[in-house]
Amino acid sequence: LNTYQAAPAILGQQGYTSAVFHGNSGSFWN
């Protein structure tokens, strides 16, 4: 729940759409 300035957010504000693909439970590693 921390505040971050991560790549998806930085690039999202430049018009990028971000997505992760993972064939396992979404809760794994939170």
PDB file of all heavy atoms in Angstrom:
ATOM      1  N   LEU A   1       0.813  -1.220   0.000  1.00  0.00           N
ATOM      2  CA  LEU A   1       0.000   0.000   0.000  1.00  0.00           C
ATOM      3  C   LEU A   1       0.843   1.266   0.000  1.00  0.00           C
ATOM      4  O   LEU A   1       0.307   2.373   0.092  1.00  0.00           O
ATOM      5  CB  LEU A   1      -0.938  -0.004   1.212  1.00  0.00           C
ATOM      6  CG  LEU A   1      -1.935  -1.163   1.292  1.00  0.00           C
ATOM      7  CD1 LEU A   1      -2.805  -1.039   2.538  1.00  0.00           C
ATOM      8  CD2 LEU A   1      -2.804  -1.240   0.048  1.00  0.00           C
ATOM      9  N   ASN A   2       2.152   1.118  -0.112  1.00  0.00           N
ATOM     10  CA  ASN A   2       3.033   2.291  -0.145  1.00  0.00           C
ATOM     11  C   ASN A   2       2.781   3.161  -1.375  1.00  0.00           C
ATOM     12  O   ASN A   2       2.133   2.737  -2.341  1.00  0.00           O
ATOM     13  CB  ASN A   2       4.495   1.838  -0.177  1.00  0.00           C
ATOM     14  CG  ASN A   2       5.066   1.597   1.206  1.00  0.00           C
ATOM     15  OD1 ASN A   2       4.328   1.442   2.170  1.00  0.00           O
ATOM     16  ND2 ASN A   2       6.380   1.553   1.305  1.00  0.00           N
ATOM     17  N   THR A   3       3.337   4.362  -1.346  1.00  0.00           N
ATOM     18  CA  THR A   3       3.346   5.253  -2.508  1.00  0.00           C
ATOM     19  C   THR A   3       4.587   4.953  -3.343  1.00  0.00           C
ATOM     20  O   THR A   3       5.690   4.865  -2.802  1.00  0.00           O
ATOM     21  CB  THR A   3       3.376   6.722  -2.055  1.00  0.00           C
ATOM     22  OG1 THR A   3       2.186   7.001  -1.306  1.00  0.00           O
ATOM     23  CG2 THR A   3       3.473   7.665  -3.250  1.00  0.00           C
ATOM     24  N   TYR A   4       4.408   4.780  -4.639  1.00  0.00           N
ATOM     25  CA  TYR A   4       5.530   4.501  -5.541  1.00  0.00           C
ATOM     26  C   TYR A   4       5.471   5.420  -6.755  1.00  0.00           C
ATOM     27  O   TYR A   4       4.410   5.963  -7.101  1.00  0.00           O
ATOM     28  CB  TYR A   4       5.500   3.038  -6.010  1.00  0.00           C
ATOM     29  CG  TYR A   4       5.670   2.046  -4.881  1.00  0.00           C
ATOM     30  CD1 TYR A   4       4.583   1.308  -4.400  1.00  0.00           C
ATOM     31  CD2 TYR A   4       6.912   1.848  -4.280  1.00  0.00           C
ATOM     32  CE1 TYR A   4       4.732   0.413  -3.357  1.00  0.00           C
ATOM     33  CE2 TYR A   4       7.071   0.949  -3.238  1.00  0.00           C
ATOM     34  CZ  TYR A   4       5.980   0.235  -2.780  1.00  0.00           C
ATOM     35  OH  TYR A   4       6.140  -0.649  -1.743  1.00  0.00           O
ATOM     36  N   GLN A   5       6.617   5.553  -7.402  1.00  0.00           N
ATOM     37  CA  GLN A   5       6.718   6.265  -8.683  1.00  0.00           C
ATOM     38  C   GLN A   5       7.339   5.283  -9.662  1.00  0.00           C
ATOM     39  O   GLN A   5       8.502   5.375 -10.048  1.00  0.00           O
ATOM     40  CB  GLN A   5       7.563   7.531  -8.496  1.00  0.00           C
ATOM     41  CG  GLN A   5       6.849   8.550  -7.616  1.00  0.00           C
ATOM     42  CD  GLN A   5       7.777   9.392  -6.774  1.00  0.00           C
ATOM     43  OE1 GLN A   5       8.972   9.457  -7.019  1.00  0.00           O
ATOM     44  NE2 GLN A   5       7.237  10.052  -5.750  1.00  0.00           N
ATOM     45  N   ALA A   6       6.528   4.300 -10.021  1.00  0.00           N
ATOM     46  CA  ALA A   6       6.986   3.136 -10.772  1.00  0.00           C
ATOM     47  C   ALA A   6       6.791   3.327 -12.270  1.00  0.00           C
ATOM     48  O   ALA A   6       6.064   4.219 -12.727  1.00  0.00           O
ATOM     49  CB  ALA A   6       6.234   1.890 -10.299  1.00  0.00           C
ATOM     50  N   ALA A   7       7.438   2.441 -13.032  1.00  0.00           N
ATOM     51  CA  ALA A   7       7.401   2.534 -14.494  1.00  0.00           C
ATOM     52  C   ALA A   7       5.982   2.589 -15.067  1.00  0.00           C
ATOM     53  O   ALA A   7       5.708   3.411 -15.953  1.00  0.00           O
ATOM     54  CB  ALA A   7       8.184   1.378 -15.104  1.00  0.00           C
ATOM     55  N   PRO A   8       5.038   1.723 -14.611  1.00  0.00           N
ATOM     56  CA  PRO A   8       3.688   1.794 -15.196  1.00  0.00           C
ATOM     57  C   PRO A   8       3.034   3.161 -15.020  1.00  0.00           C
ATOM     58  O   PRO A   8       2.348   3.655 -15.924  1.00  0.00           O
ATOM     59  CB  PRO A   8       2.918   0.710 -14.430  1.00  0.00           C
ATOM     60  CG  PRO A   8       3.953  -0.199 -13.890  1.00  0.00           C
ATOM     61  CD  PRO A   8       5.145   0.651 -13.606  1.00  0.00           C
ATOM     62  N   ALA A   9       3.265   3.787 -13.866  1.00  0.00           N
ATOM     63  CA  ALA A   9       2.671   5.106 -13.611  1.00  0.00           C
ATOM     64  C   ALA A   9       3.374   6.191 -14.414  1.00  0.00           C
ATOM     65  O   ALA A   9       2.726   7.073 -14.999  1.00  0.00           O
ATOM     66  CB  ALA A   9       2.733   5.428 -12.120  1.00  0.00           C
ATOM     67  N   ILE A  10       4.704   6.141 -14.456  1.00  0.00           N
ATOM     68  CA  ILE A  10       5.467   7.140 -15.214  1.00  0.00           C
ATOM     69  C   ILE A  10       5.064   7.106 -16.684  1.00  0.00           C
ATOM     70  O   ILE A  10       4.766   8.140 -17.294  1.00  0.00           O
ATOM     71  CB  ILE A  10       6.976   6.886 -15.067  1.00  0.00           C
ATOM     72  CG1 ILE A  10       7.423   7.099 -13.615  1.00  0.00           C
ATOM     73  CG2 ILE A  10       7.774   7.791 -15.997  1.00  0.00           C
ATOM     74  CD1 ILE A  10       8.846   6.645 -13.325  1.00  0.00           C
ATOM     75  N   LEU A  11       5.035   5.903 -17.255  1.00  0.00           N
ATOM     76  CA  LEU A  11       4.714   5.775 -18.681  1.00  0.00           C
ATOM     77  C   LEU A  11       3.224   5.938 -18.937  1.00  0.00           C
ATOM     78  O   LEU A  11       2.825   6.398 -20.017  1.00  0.00           O
ATOM     79  CB  LEU A  11       5.212   4.429 -19.206  1.00  0.00           C
ATOM     80  CG  LEU A  11       6.738   4.245 -19.154  1.00  0.00           C
ATOM     81  CD1 LEU A  11       7.141   2.856 -19.635  1.00  0.00           C
ATOM     82  CD2 LEU A  11       7.431   5.320 -19.993  1.00  0.00           C
ATOM     83  N   GLY A  12       2.413   5.582 -17.942  1.00  0.00           N
ATOM     84  CA  GLY A  12       0.964   5.767 -18.090  1.00  0.00           C
ATOM     85  C   GLY A  12       0.604   7.222 -18.277  1.00  0.00           C
ATOM     86  O   GLY A  12      -0.370   7.561 -18.962  1.00  0.00           O
ATOM     87  N   GLN A  13       1.392   8.112 -17.684  1.00  0.00           N
ATOM     88  CA  GLN A  13       1.153   9.550 -17.827  1.00  0.00           C
ATOM     89  C   GLN A  13       1.762  10.102 -19.110  1.00  0.00           C
ATOM     90  O   GLN A  13       1.709  11.303 -19.364  1.00  0.00           O
ATOM     91  CB  GLN A  13       1.693  10.256 -16.574  1.00  0.00           C
ATOM     92  CG  GLN A  13       0.878   9.878 -15.333  1.00  0.00           C
ATOM     93  CD  GLN A  13       1.488  10.339 -14.027  1.00  0.00           C
ATOM     94  OE1 GLN A  13       2.167  11.363 -13.969  1.00  0.00           O
ATOM     95  NE2 GLN A  13       1.251   9.587 -12.957  1.00  0.00           N
ATOM     96  N   GLN A  14       2.339   9.189 -19.911  1.00  0.00           N
ATOM     97  CA  GLN A  14       2.835   9.552 -21.245  1.00  0.00           C
ATOM     98  C   GLN A  14       2.046   8.834 -22.341  1.00  0.00           C
ATOM     99  O   GLN A  14       2.487   8.757 -23.485  1.00  0.00           O
ATOM    100  CB  GLN A  14       4.322   9.195 -21.354  1.00  0.00           C
ATOM    101  CG  GLN A  14       5.209   9.945 -20.372  1.00  0.00           C
ATOM    102  CD  GLN A  14       6.667   9.520 -20.446  1.00  0.00           C
ATOM    103  OE1 GLN A  14       7.101   8.933 -21.439  1.00  0.00           O
ATOM    104  NE2 GLN A  14       7.438   9.813 -19.413  1.00  0.00           N
ATOM    105  N   GLY A  15       0.887   8.271 -21.945  1.00  0.00           N
ATOM    106  CA  GLY A  15       0.005   7.667 -22.939  1.00  0.00           C
ATOM    107  C   GLY A  15       0.116   6.164 -23.082  1.00  0.00           C
ATOM    108  O   GLY A  15      -0.537   5.576 -23.953  1.00  0.00           O
ATOM    109  N   TYR A  16       0.894   5.518 -22.240  1.00  0.00           N
ATOM    110  CA  TYR A  16       1.043   4.062 -22.312  1.00  0.00           C
ATOM    111  C   TYR A  16      -0.068   3.363 -21.526  1.00  0.00           C
ATOM    112  O   TYR A  16      -0.522   3.844 -20.488  1.00  0.00           O
ATOM    113  CB  TYR A  16       2.391   3.628 -21.727  1.00  0.00           C
ATOM    114  CG  TYR A  16       3.559   3.768 -22.679  1.00  0.00           C
ATOM    115  CD1 TYR A  16       4.076   5.019 -22.993  1.00  0.00           C
ATOM    116  CD2 TYR A  16       4.143   2.647 -23.251  1.00  0.00           C
ATOM    117  CE1 TYR A  16       5.149   5.159 -23.853  1.00  0.00           C
ATOM    118  CE2 TYR A  16       5.222   2.766 -24.118  1.00  0.00           C
ATOM    119  CZ  TYR A  16       5.723   4.025 -24.422  1.00  0.00           C
ATOM    120  OH  TYR A  16       6.784   4.150 -25.288  1.00  0.00           O
ATOM    121  N   THR A  17      -0.482   2.195 -22.027  1.00  0.00           N
ATOM    122  CA  THR A  17      -1.358   1.284 -21.292  1.00  0.00           C
ATOM    123  C   THR A  17      -0.481   0.168 -20.738  1.00  0.00           C
ATOM    124  O   THR A  17       0.328  -0.412 -21.466  1.00  0.00           O
ATOM    125  CB  THR A  17      -2.437   0.677 -22.209  1.00  0.00           C
ATOM    126  OG1 THR A  17      -3.245   1.729 -22.735  1.00  0.00           O
ATOM    127  CG2 THR A  17      -3.313  -0.308 -21.441  1.00  0.00           C
ATOM    128  N   SER A  18      -0.625  -0.146 -19.457  1.00  0.00           N
ATOM    129  CA  SER A  18       0.253  -1.138 -18.826  1.00  0.00           C
ATOM    130  C   SER A  18      -0.516  -2.386 -18.436  1.00  0.00           C
ATOM    131  O   SER A  18      -1.689  -2.327 -18.054  1.00  0.00           O
ATOM    132  CB  SER A  18       0.926  -0.534 -17.593  1.00  0.00           C
ATOM    133  OG  SER A  18      -0.037   0.005 -16.708  1.00  0.00           O
ATOM    134  N   ALA A  19       0.154  -3.528 -18.521  1.00  0.00           N
ATOM    135  CA  ALA A  19      -0.493  -4.799 -18.183  1.00  0.00           C
ATOM    136  C   ALA A  19       0.548  -5.840 -17.807  1.00  0.00           C
ATOM    137  O   ALA A  19       1.663  -5.850 -18.334  1.00  0.00           O
ATOM    138  CB  ALA A  19      -1.330  -5.311 -19.353  1.00  0.00           C
ATOM    139  N   VAL A  20       0.151  -6.720 -16.889  1.00  0.00           N
ATOM    140  CA  VAL A  20       0.954  -7.886 -16.524  1.00  0.00           C
ATOM    141  C   VAL A  20       0.187  -9.132 -16.912  1.00  0.00           C
ATOM    142  O   VAL A  20      -1.036  -9.208 -16.724  1.00  0.00           O
ATOM    143  CB  VAL A  20       1.249  -7.921 -15.008  1.00  0.00           C
ATOM    144  CG1 VAL A  20       2.091  -9.150 -14.659  1.00  0.00           C
ATOM    145  CG2 VAL A  20       1.960  -6.664 -14.565  1.00  0.00           C
ATOM    146  N   PHE A  21       0.908 -10.128 -17.414  1.00  0.00           N
ATOM    147  CA  PHE A  21       0.331 -11.411 -17.801  1.00  0.00           C
ATOM    148  C   PHE A  21       0.977 -12.495 -16.944  1.00  0.00           C
ATOM    149  O   PHE A  21       2.213 -12.618 -16.915  1.00  0.00           O
ATOM    150  CB  PHE A  21       0.599 -11.699 -19.279  1.00  0.00           C
ATOM    151  CG  PHE A  21       0.067 -10.649 -20.224  1.00  0.00           C
ATOM    152  CD1 PHE A  21       0.747  -9.446 -20.400  1.00  0.00           C
ATOM    153  CD2 PHE A  21      -1.109 -10.855 -20.922  1.00  0.00           C
ATOM    154  CE1 PHE A  21       0.263  -8.473 -21.265  1.00  0.00           C
ATOM    155  CE2 PHE A  21      -1.605  -9.888 -21.795  1.00  0.00           C
ATOM    156  CZ  PHE A  21      -0.911  -8.688 -21.964  1.00  0.00           C
ATOM    157  N   HIS A  22       0.139 -13.290 -16.254  1.00  0.00           N
ATOM    158  CA  HIS A  22       0.689 -14.314 -15.351  1.00  0.00           C
ATOM    159  C   HIS A  22      -0.349 -15.412 -15.150  1.00  0.00           C
ATOM    160  O   HIS A  22      -1.435 -15.144 -14.639  1.00  0.00           O
ATOM    161  CB  HIS A  22       1.049 -13.670 -14.008  1.00  0.00           C
ATOM    162  CG  HIS A  22       1.688 -14.604 -13.028  1.00  0.00           C
ATOM    163  ND1 HIS A  22       2.676 -15.494 -13.373  1.00  0.00           N
ATOM    164  CD2 HIS A  22       1.488 -14.774 -11.691  1.00  0.00           C
ATOM    165  CE1 HIS A  22       3.066 -16.164 -12.301  1.00  0.00           C
ATOM    166  NE2 HIS A  22       2.352 -15.750 -11.274  1.00  0.00           N
ATOM    167  N   GLY A  23      -0.025 -16.611 -15.540  1.00  0.00           N
ATOM    168  CA  GLY A  23      -0.976 -17.724 -15.476  1.00  0.00           C
ATOM    169  C   GLY A  23      -1.025 -18.392 -14.125  1.00  0.00           C
ATOM    170  O   GLY A  23      -0.940 -19.623 -14.016  1.00  0.00           O
ATOM    171  N   ASN A  24      -1.164 -17.608 -13.071  1.00  0.00           N
ATOM    172  CA  ASN A  24      -1.243 -18.143 -11.714  1.00  0.00           C
ATOM    173  C   ASN A  24      -2.169 -17.240 -10.902  1.00  0.00           C
ATOM    174  O   ASN A  24      -2.658 -16.226 -11.396  1.00  0.00           O
ATOM    175  CB  ASN A  24       0.160 -18.193 -11.081  1.00  0.00           C
ATOM    176  CG  ASN A  24       0.200 -19.037  -9.819  1.00  0.00           C
ATOM    177  OD1 ASN A  24      -0.768 -19.704  -9.467  1.00  0.00           O
ATOM    178  ND2 ASN A  24       1.320 -19.003  -9.112  1.00  0.00           N
ATOM    179  N   SER A  25      -2.375 -17.577  -9.652  1.00  0.00           N
ATOM    180  CA  SER A  25      -3.246 -16.796  -8.780  1.00  0.00           C
ATOM    181  C   SER A  25      -2.766 -15.358  -8.667  1.00  0.00           C
ATOM    182  O   SER A  25      -1.573 -15.094  -8.476  1.00  0.00           O
ATOM    183  CB  SER A  25      -3.291 -17.438  -7.392  1.00  0.00           C
ATOM    184  OG  SER A  25      -3.900 -16.574  -6.463  1.00  0.00           O
ATOM    185  N   GLY A  26      -3.692 -14.434  -8.749  1.00  0.00           N
ATOM    186  CA  GLY A  26      -3.347 -13.020  -8.657  1.00  0.00           C
ATOM    187  C   GLY A  26      -2.861 -12.611  -7.286  1.00  0.00           C
ATOM    188  O   GLY A  26      -2.171 -11.602  -7.139  1.00  0.00           O
ATOM    189  N   SER A  27      -3.188 -13.402  -6.255  1.00  0.00           N
ATOM    190  CA  SER A  27      -2.785 -13.054  -4.896  1.00  0.00           C
ATOM    191  C   SER A  27      -1.365 -13.501  -4.570  1.00  0.00           C
ATOM    192  O   SER A  27      -0.812 -13.100  -3.544  1.00  0.00           O
ATOM    193  CB  SER A  27      -3.758 -13.672  -3.883  1.00  0.00           C
ATOM    194  OG  SER A  27      -3.714 -15.088  -3.948  1.00  0.00           O
ATOM    195  N   PHE A  28      -0.777 -14.335  -5.433  1.00  0.00           N
ATOM    196  CA  PHE A  28       0.584 -14.795  -5.166  1.00  0.00           C
ATOM    197  C   PHE A  28       1.520 -13.591  -5.144  1.00  0.00           C
ATOM    198  O   PHE A  28       1.536 -12.779  -6.058  1.00  0.00           O
ATOM    199  CB  PHE A  28       1.001 -15.791  -6.258  1.00  0.00           C
ATOM    200  CG  PHE A  28       2.183 -16.644  -5.872  1.00  0.00           C
ATOM    201  CD1 PHE A  28       2.001 -17.843  -5.204  1.00  0.00           C
ATOM    202  CD2 PHE A  28       3.470 -16.251  -6.177  1.00  0.00           C
ATOM    203  CE1 PHE A  28       3.085 -18.635  -4.854  1.00  0.00           C
ATOM    204  CE2 PHE A  28       4.557 -17.029  -5.833  1.00  0.00           C
ATOM    205  CZ  PHE A  28       4.370 -18.230  -5.162  1.00  0.00           C
ATOM    206  N   TRP A  29       2.316 -13.487  -4.094  1.00  0.00           N
ATOM    207  CA  TRP A  29       3.188 -12.324  -3.837  1.00  0.00           C
ATOM    208  C   TRP A  29       2.380 -11.031  -3.709  1.00  0.00           C
ATOM    209  O   TRP A  29       2.926  -9.947  -3.892  1.00  0.00           O
ATOM    210  CB  TRP A  29       4.257 -12.159  -4.912  1.00  0.00           C
ATOM    211  CG  TRP A  29       5.362 -13.158  -4.900  1.00  0.00           C
ATOM    212  CD1 TRP A  29       5.755 -13.966  -5.931  1.00  0.00           C
ATOM    213  CD2 TRP A  29       6.262 -13.455  -3.821  1.00  0.00           C
ATOM    214  NE1 TRP A  29       6.821 -14.758  -5.560  1.00  0.00           N
ATOM    215  CE2 TRP A  29       7.154 -14.469  -4.274  1.00  0.00           C
ATOM    216  CE3 TRP A  29       6.396 -12.974  -2.514  1.00  0.00           C
ATOM    217  CZ2 TRP A  29       8.163 -15.003  -3.460  1.00  0.00           C
ATOM    218  CZ3 TRP A  29       7.393 -13.508  -1.713  1.00  0.00           C
ATOM    219  CH2 TRP A  29       8.256 -14.504  -2.194  1.00  0.00           C
ATOM    220  N   ASN A  30       1.074 -11.134  -3.458  1.00  0.00           N
ATOM    221  CA  ASN A  30       0.254  -9.930  -3.248  1.00  0.00           C
ATOM    222  C   ASN A  30       0.200  -9.049  -4.500  1.00  0.00           C
ATOM    223  O   ASN A  30      -0.025  -7.840  -4.424  1.00  0.00           O
ATOM    224  CB  ASN A  30       0.811  -9.121  -2.063  1.00  0.00           C
ATOM    225  CG  ASN A  30      -0.158  -8.104  -1.512  1.00  0.00           C
ATOM    226  OD1 ASN A  30      -1.356  -8.357  -1.406  1.00  0.00           O
ATOM    227  ND2 ASN A  30       0.348  -6.930  -1.170  1.00  0.00           N
TER     228      ASN A  30
END
